[in-house]
């Protein structure tokens, strides 16, 4: 994929910030579609992939600030094709909070 197109694809997945992509946790833009979201998540800087219980998981994090886990259903999963994003953020008080978003 050409660099300009890659940047546009990642912009659809990651919320743009003035400080840069590593400072902001990724977001989930459901209109992009299952395959595009999966490709974009796998292309994130520092992304790590694993599999567990019917899901392919892509994890990205900024140490001591946030952690994001994308869960992609596998072909045999009853909810396929679906994507979930669980994001954990460290608050100024030191407490971690979590939120989730799902696209199906």
C-alpha atoms as a PDB file:
ATOM      1  CA  UNK A   1       0.000   0.000   0.000  1.00  0.00           C
ATOM      2  CA  UNK A   2       1.410   3.450  -0.876  1.00  0.00           C
ATOM      3  CA  UNK A   3       2.554   5.504   2.155  1.00  0.00           C
ATOM      4  CA  UNK A   4      -0.109   8.176   1.618  1.00  0.00           C
ATOM      5  CA  UNK A   5      -2.864   5.550   1.551  1.00  0.00           C
ATOM      6  CA  UNK A   6      -1.426   3.872   4.657  1.00  0.00           C
ATOM      7  CA  UNK A   7      -1.510   7.198   6.491  1.00  0.00           C
ATOM      8  CA  UNK A   8      -5.125   7.749   5.464  1.00  0.00           C
ATOM      9  CA  UNK A   9      -6.105   4.253   6.600  1.00  0.00           C
ATOM     10  CA  UNK A  10      -4.418   4.686   9.964  1.00  0.00           C
ATOM     11  CA  UNK A  11      -6.107   8.058  10.378  1.00  0.00           C
ATOM     12  CA  UNK A  12      -9.442   6.245  10.120  1.00  0.00           C
ATOM     13  CA  UNK A  13      -8.447   3.913  12.933  1.00  0.00           C
ATOM     14  CA  UNK A  14      -6.462   6.198  15.209  1.00  0.00           C
ATOM     15  CA  UNK A  15      -7.750   9.470  16.577  1.00  0.00           C
ATOM     16  CA  UNK A  16      -5.418  12.228  15.383  1.00  0.00           C
ATOM     17  CA  UNK A  17      -3.736  14.355  18.037  1.00  0.00           C
ATOM     18  CA  UNK A  18      -1.297  17.217  17.886  1.00  0.00           C
ATOM     19  CA  UNK A  19       1.133  15.235  20.041  1.00  0.00           C
ATOM     20  CA  UNK A  20       1.176  12.237  17.703  1.00  0.00           C
ATOM     21  CA  UNK A  21      -0.297   8.744  17.426  1.00  0.00           C
ATOM     22  CA  UNK A  22       1.771   7.210  20.244  1.00  0.00           C
ATOM     23  CA  UNK A  23       0.313   9.682  22.766  1.00  0.00           C
ATOM     24  CA  UNK A  24      -3.305   8.794  21.972  1.00  0.00           C
ATOM     25  CA  UNK A  25      -4.905   5.391  22.248  1.00  0.00           C
ATOM     26  CA  UNK A  26      -6.404   4.064  19.001  1.00  0.00           C
ATOM     27  CA  UNK A  27     -10.116   4.373  18.371  1.00  0.00           C
ATOM     28  CA  UNK A  28     -12.508   2.176  16.418  1.00  0.00           C
ATOM     29  CA  UNK A  29     -14.252   3.548  13.316  1.00  0.00           C
ATOM     30  CA  UNK A  30     -16.896   0.917  12.492  1.00  0.00           C
ATOM     31  CA  UNK A  31     -17.625   2.309   9.028  1.00  0.00           C
ATOM     32  CA  UNK A  32     -14.177   1.109   7.879  1.00  0.00           C
ATOM     33  CA  UNK A  33     -15.309  -2.531   7.856  1.00  0.00           C
ATOM     34  CA  UNK A  34     -13.909  -5.724   9.405  1.00  0.00           C
ATOM     35  CA  UNK A  35     -11.066  -6.411   6.954  1.00  0.00           C
ATOM     36  CA  UNK A  36      -9.830  -2.809   6.825  1.00  0.00           C
ATOM     37  CA  UNK A  37      -9.894  -2.490  10.625  1.00  0.00           C
ATOM     38  CA  UNK A  38      -7.941  -5.725  10.997  1.00  0.00           C
ATOM     39  CA  UNK A  39      -5.296  -4.670   8.459  1.00  0.00           C
ATOM     40  CA  UNK A  40      -4.970  -1.232  10.039  1.00  0.00           C
ATOM     41  CA  UNK A  41      -4.700  -2.603  13.588  1.00  0.00           C
ATOM     42  CA  UNK A  42      -1.981  -5.039  12.513  1.00  0.00           C
ATOM     43  CA  UNK A  43      -0.094  -2.088  10.948  1.00  0.00           C
ATOM     44  CA  UNK A  44      -0.026   0.014  14.120  1.00  0.00           C
ATOM     45  CA  UNK A  45       3.461   0.802  15.467  1.00  0.00           C
ATOM     46  CA  UNK A  46       4.462  -1.780  18.087  1.00  0.00           C
ATOM     47  CA  UNK A  47       1.356  -3.918  17.542  1.00  0.00           C
ATOM     48  CA  UNK A  48       1.561  -7.428  18.968  1.00  0.00           C
ATOM     49  CA  UNK A  49      -0.658 -10.267  17.762  1.00  0.00           C
ATOM     50  CA  UNK A  50      -2.005 -13.291  19.624  1.00  0.00           C
ATOM     51  CA  UNK A  51      -5.006 -15.631  19.529  1.00  0.00           C
ATOM     52  CA  UNK A  52      -7.375 -16.799  22.252  1.00  0.00           C
ATOM     53  CA  UNK A  53     -10.802 -18.490  22.413  1.00  0.00           C
ATOM     54  CA  UNK A  54     -12.077 -17.655  18.925  1.00  0.00           C
ATOM     55  CA  UNK A  55     -10.426 -14.255  18.661  1.00  0.00           C
ATOM     56  CA  UNK A  56      -7.372 -12.868  16.926  1.00  0.00           C
ATOM     57  CA  UNK A  57      -6.062 -10.140  19.232  1.00  0.00           C
ATOM     58  CA  UNK A  58      -3.940  -7.128  18.333  1.00  0.00           C
ATOM     59  CA  UNK A  59      -2.479  -5.191  21.263  1.00  0.00           C
ATOM     60  CA  UNK A  60      -0.808  -1.800  21.269  1.00  0.00           C
ATOM     61  CA  UNK A  61       0.261   0.270  24.267  1.00  0.00           C
ATOM     62  CA  UNK A  62       2.070   3.331  25.494  1.00  0.00           C
ATOM     63  CA  UNK A  63       3.707   2.168  28.716  1.00  0.00           C
ATOM     64  CA  UNK A  64       2.159   3.612  31.872  1.00  0.00           C
ATOM     65  CA  UNK A  65      -0.370   5.676  29.844  1.00  0.00           C
ATOM     66  CA  UNK A  66      -2.783   3.426  27.899  1.00  0.00           C
ATOM     67  CA  UNK A  67      -3.290  -0.070  26.484  1.00  0.00           C
ATOM     68  CA  UNK A  68      -5.580  -1.021  23.608  1.00  0.00           C
ATOM     69  CA  UNK A  69      -6.693  -4.537  22.638  1.00  0.00           C
ATOM     70  CA  UNK A  70      -8.529  -5.230  19.381  1.00  0.00           C
ATOM     71  CA  UNK A  71     -10.485  -8.506  19.346  1.00  0.00           C
ATOM     72  CA  UNK A  72     -11.305  -9.852  15.871  1.00  0.00           C
ATOM     73  CA  UNK A  73     -13.629 -12.848  15.668  1.00  0.00           C
ATOM     74  CA  UNK A  74     -12.365 -15.855  13.732  1.00  0.00           C
ATOM     75  CA  UNK A  75     -14.395 -17.437  10.927  1.00  0.00           C
ATOM     76  CA  UNK A  76     -15.983 -20.087  13.149  1.00  0.00           C
ATOM     77  CA  UNK A  77     -17.012 -17.635  15.904  1.00  0.00           C
ATOM     78  CA  UNK A  78     -20.833 -17.167  16.055  1.00  0.00           C
ATOM     79  CA  UNK A  79     -20.461 -13.346  16.033  1.00  0.00           C
ATOM     80  CA  UNK A  80     -18.148 -13.273  12.982  1.00  0.00           C
ATOM     81  CA  UNK A  81     -17.410 -10.764  11.530  1.00  0.00           C
ATOM     82  CA  UNK A  82     -17.149  -8.577  14.647  1.00  0.00           C
ATOM     83  CA  UNK A  83     -14.482  -6.362  16.187  1.00  0.00           C
ATOM     84  CA  UNK A  84     -14.210  -5.180  19.784  1.00  0.00           C
ATOM     85  CA  UNK A  85     -11.782  -2.619  21.164  1.00  0.00           C
ATOM     86  CA  UNK A  86     -11.010  -2.541  24.891  1.00  0.00           C
ATOM     87  CA  UNK A  87      -9.006   0.520  25.930  1.00  0.00           C
ATOM     88  CA  UNK A  88      -7.462   1.073  29.356  1.00  0.00           C
ATOM     89  CA  UNK A  89      -6.182   4.527  30.292  1.00  0.00           C
ATOM     90  CA  UNK A  90      -4.204   5.643  33.331  1.00  0.00           C
ATOM     91  CA  UNK A  91      -5.809   8.661  34.957  1.00  0.00           C
ATOM     92  CA  UNK A  92      -3.879  11.448  36.709  1.00  0.00           C
ATOM     93  CA  UNK A  93      -4.873   9.875  40.035  1.00  0.00           C
ATOM     94  CA  UNK A  94      -3.038   6.661  39.043  1.00  0.00           C
ATOM     95  CA  UNK A  95      -6.279   4.696  38.648  1.00  0.00           C
ATOM     96  CA  UNK A  96      -6.767   2.753  35.403  1.00  0.00           C
ATOM     97  CA  UNK A  97     -10.147   3.069  33.672  1.00  0.00           C
ATOM     98  CA  UNK A  98     -11.446   0.973  30.805  1.00  0.00           C
ATOM     99  CA  UNK A  99     -13.955   1.384  28.019  1.00  0.00           C
ATOM    100  CA  UNK A 100     -15.059  -0.800  25.137  1.00  0.00           C
ATOM    101  CA  UNK A 101     -16.565  -0.412  21.693  1.00  0.00           C
ATOM    102  CA  UNK A 102     -17.888  -3.158  19.419  1.00  0.00           C
ATOM    103  CA  UNK A 103     -18.602  -3.264  15.688  1.00  0.00           C
ATOM    104  CA  UNK A 104     -20.530  -6.144  14.179  1.00  0.00           C
END
